[in-house]
Protein backbone atom coordinates (compact mmCIF):
# COMPACT_ATOMS: atom_id res chain seq x y z
CA MET A 1 75.89 82.44 117.59
CA ARG A 2 73.08 84.49 117.05
CA VAL A 3 72.79 88.19 116.44
CA ALA A 4 70.71 88.44 119.49
CA ASP A 5 73.21 86.63 121.91
CA LEU A 6 75.66 89.35 120.47
CA GLU A 7 73.02 91.71 121.02
CA ARG A 8 72.66 90.89 124.44
CA LEU A 9 76.50 90.63 125.19
CA TYR A 10 76.67 94.33 123.91
CA ASP A 11 73.32 95.27 125.84
CA TYR A 12 75.64 93.75 129.24
CA HIS A 13 78.70 95.50 128.05
CA TYR A 14 77.05 99.15 127.92
CA TRP A 15 75.17 98.15 131.31
CA ALA A 16 78.58 97.51 133.08
CA ASN A 17 80.30 100.62 131.48
CA ARG A 18 77.37 102.74 132.84
CA ARG A 19 77.61 101.70 136.24
CA LEU A 20 81.47 101.71 136.05
CA LEU A 21 81.39 105.71 135.05
CA ASP A 22 79.29 106.56 137.71
CA VAL A 23 81.27 106.11 139.57
CA VAL A 24 84.49 107.52 137.76
CA ALA A 25 82.24 110.62 137.58
CA GLN A 26 82.97 110.44 141.39
CA LEU A 27 86.52 111.47 140.43
CA SER A 28 87.85 114.73 140.56
CA PRO A 29 89.10 115.97 137.41
CA GLU A 30 92.85 115.46 138.07
CA GLN A 31 92.22 111.98 139.31
CA PHE A 32 90.50 111.20 136.23
CA THR A 33 93.89 112.00 133.99
CA GLN A 34 96.20 110.95 136.94
CA PRO A 35 98.90 108.37 136.25
CA VAL A 36 97.62 105.55 138.58
CA ALA A 37 99.21 102.61 136.91
CA GLY A 38 98.15 99.66 134.87
CA SER A 39 98.76 99.36 130.73
CA TYR A 40 97.63 102.85 130.12
CA GLY A 41 98.35 105.11 133.24
CA SER A 42 95.00 107.00 133.84
CA ILE A 43 91.73 106.13 134.16
CA ARG A 44 90.90 108.29 131.26
CA ASN A 45 93.50 106.46 129.04
CA THR A 46 92.36 103.05 129.45
CA LEU A 47 88.54 104.51 128.90
CA VAL A 48 89.63 105.95 125.71
CA HIS A 49 91.60 103.00 124.67
CA VAL A 50 88.62 100.82 125.13
CA MET A 51 86.62 102.84 123.22
CA SER A 52 88.71 103.42 120.39
CA ALA A 53 89.73 99.61 120.16
CA GLU A 54 85.31 99.09 120.29
CA TRP A 55 85.03 101.79 117.45
CA GLY A 56 88.12 100.24 115.27
CA TRP A 57 86.88 96.36 115.54
CA LEU A 58 83.17 97.85 114.40
CA ASP A 59 84.94 100.09 111.87
CA ARG A 60 86.73 96.95 110.72
CA CYS A 61 83.55 94.66 110.47
CA GLY A 62 82.03 97.13 108.33
CA GLY A 63 80.29 99.91 110.36
CA PRO A 64 81.10 103.30 110.59
CA VAL A 65 84.38 104.69 109.91
CA ARG A 66 86.60 105.49 112.86
CA GLY A 67 89.43 107.14 111.13
CA ASN A 68 92.81 107.07 113.17
CA ARG A 69 93.13 105.97 116.58
CA LEU A 70 91.33 108.25 119.14
CA LYS A 71 93.81 109.94 121.38
CA ALA A 72 93.60 110.28 125.26
CA GLU A 73 94.79 113.68 125.34
CA ASP A 74 91.77 114.80 123.08
CA TYR A 75 89.35 113.69 126.07
CA ALA A 76 90.16 116.31 128.89
CA THR A 77 87.23 115.88 130.80
CA LEU A 78 85.06 112.55 131.94
CA ASP A 79 82.03 114.40 129.58
CA SER A 80 83.67 114.32 126.94
CA VAL A 81 84.17 110.75 126.94
CA LEU A 82 80.37 110.01 127.71
CA ARG A 83 79.75 111.95 124.74
CA THR A 84 81.71 109.73 121.91
CA TRP A 85 81.29 106.83 123.79
CA THR A 86 77.24 107.63 123.51
CA ASP A 87 77.93 107.90 119.80
CA VAL A 88 79.76 104.68 119.84
CA GLU A 89 77.55 102.75 121.70
CA GLN A 90 74.58 104.18 119.21
CA LYS A 91 76.96 102.90 116.34
CA VAL A 92 77.38 99.38 117.43
CA ARG A 93 73.55 99.41 118.07
CA ALA A 94 72.68 100.27 114.47
CA PHE A 95 75.03 98.12 113.22
CA LEU A 96 74.28 94.87 115.15
CA SER A 97 70.24 95.61 114.40
CA GLY A 98 71.50 95.67 110.28
CA LEU A 99 72.94 91.98 110.89
CA THR A 100 71.44 88.41 110.27
CA ASP A 101 72.43 85.16 111.95
CA ASN A 102 74.29 84.36 108.64
CA ASP A 103 76.41 87.75 108.73
CA MET A 104 77.93 86.54 111.71
CA MET A 105 80.26 84.20 109.86
CA ARG A 106 81.33 86.63 107.34
CA SER A 107 85.11 86.89 107.10
CA VAL A 108 86.56 90.21 107.88
CA ASP A 109 90.21 90.65 106.90
CA PHE A 110 92.16 93.20 109.43
CA THR A 111 95.12 94.67 109.87
CA LEU A 112 96.38 95.10 113.85
CA GLY A 113 99.54 97.10 113.81
CA GLU A 114 102.14 95.45 111.71
CA GLN A 115 99.90 91.99 111.75
CA LYS A 116 97.36 91.41 108.84
CA GLY A 117 94.79 88.59 109.85
CA THR A 118 91.26 87.24 109.12
CA ALA A 119 88.06 86.60 111.68
CA SER A 120 84.91 86.25 111.34
CA LEU A 121 82.67 88.94 112.26
CA GLU A 122 81.09 87.08 115.28
CA HIS A 123 84.60 86.53 116.56
CA LEU A 124 85.88 90.40 115.79
CA MET A 125 82.74 92.06 117.72
CA LEU A 126 82.94 89.43 120.39
CA HIS A 127 86.88 90.04 120.89
CA ALA A 128 85.76 94.12 121.28
CA VAL A 129 83.61 92.94 123.82
CA VAL A 130 86.21 90.78 126.20
CA HIS A 131 88.88 93.59 125.51
CA ALA A 132 86.59 95.93 127.50
CA VAL A 133 85.88 93.72 130.23
CA HIS A 134 89.41 92.93 131.10
CA HIS A 135 89.97 96.87 130.91
CA ARG A 136 86.86 97.75 132.90
CA GLY A 137 88.63 95.51 135.35
CA GLN A 138 92.02 97.48 134.83
CA VAL A 139 89.75 100.50 135.63
CA ALA A 140 88.43 98.98 139.03
CA MET A 141 91.79 98.48 140.32
CA LEU A 142 93.00 102.11 139.38
CA LEU A 143 89.22 103.25 141.15
CA ARG A 144 90.22 101.11 144.29
CA THR A 145 93.76 102.60 143.82
CA LEU A 146 92.67 106.49 144.20
CA GLY A 147 89.69 105.52 147.03
CA CYS A 148 86.68 104.37 145.40
CA ALA A 149 84.76 101.42 145.59
CA PRO A 150 83.70 100.34 141.85
CA GLY A 151 81.03 97.68 142.69
CA ASN A 152 80.03 94.69 140.93
CA PHE A 153 79.50 94.59 137.24
CA ASP A 154 79.70 91.24 136.75
CA LEU A 155 77.50 89.21 134.05
CA LEU A 156 75.18 87.52 136.96
CA PHE A 157 74.54 91.16 138.60
CA TYR A 158 72.96 92.19 135.14
CA ASP A 159 71.46 89.14 134.62
CA ARG A 160 69.55 89.72 137.71
CA GLU A 161 68.85 93.54 137.31
CA THR A 162 67.24 92.78 133.92
CA ALA A 163 65.10 89.61 134.44
């Protein structure tokens, strides 16, 4: 994989996030934080989990330090999530713009919970995007449960829109 390929995936990722978050913005503050279902319970909790993980993988790969895992309770509103995620997006884009294709295969040691591992920078940054796709699907399901139609944010639609 080339850096340009990874940048394209992150371009899609942020496009899909914006489309999803436009629908989330239609929720009341109570709906945003209410337990609905899924691994993290609420839409807010799921979004903060994805944002925290994205920044965490960036940190592990040599980008700006995240520190401790982000806590959902520190994000009472969608606006607070959007402010941090805009910052994370800028950090990711700056990091990617500084990479060369040779950097993609750099070996990165990491700890995830109690497990230690090693993977290429390419695989870890790719993991962060795929992880977000998984959880965007969960948020879409939670939105449907709350009566909102999230629309379609598949890669095919991104390609069609940005062609």
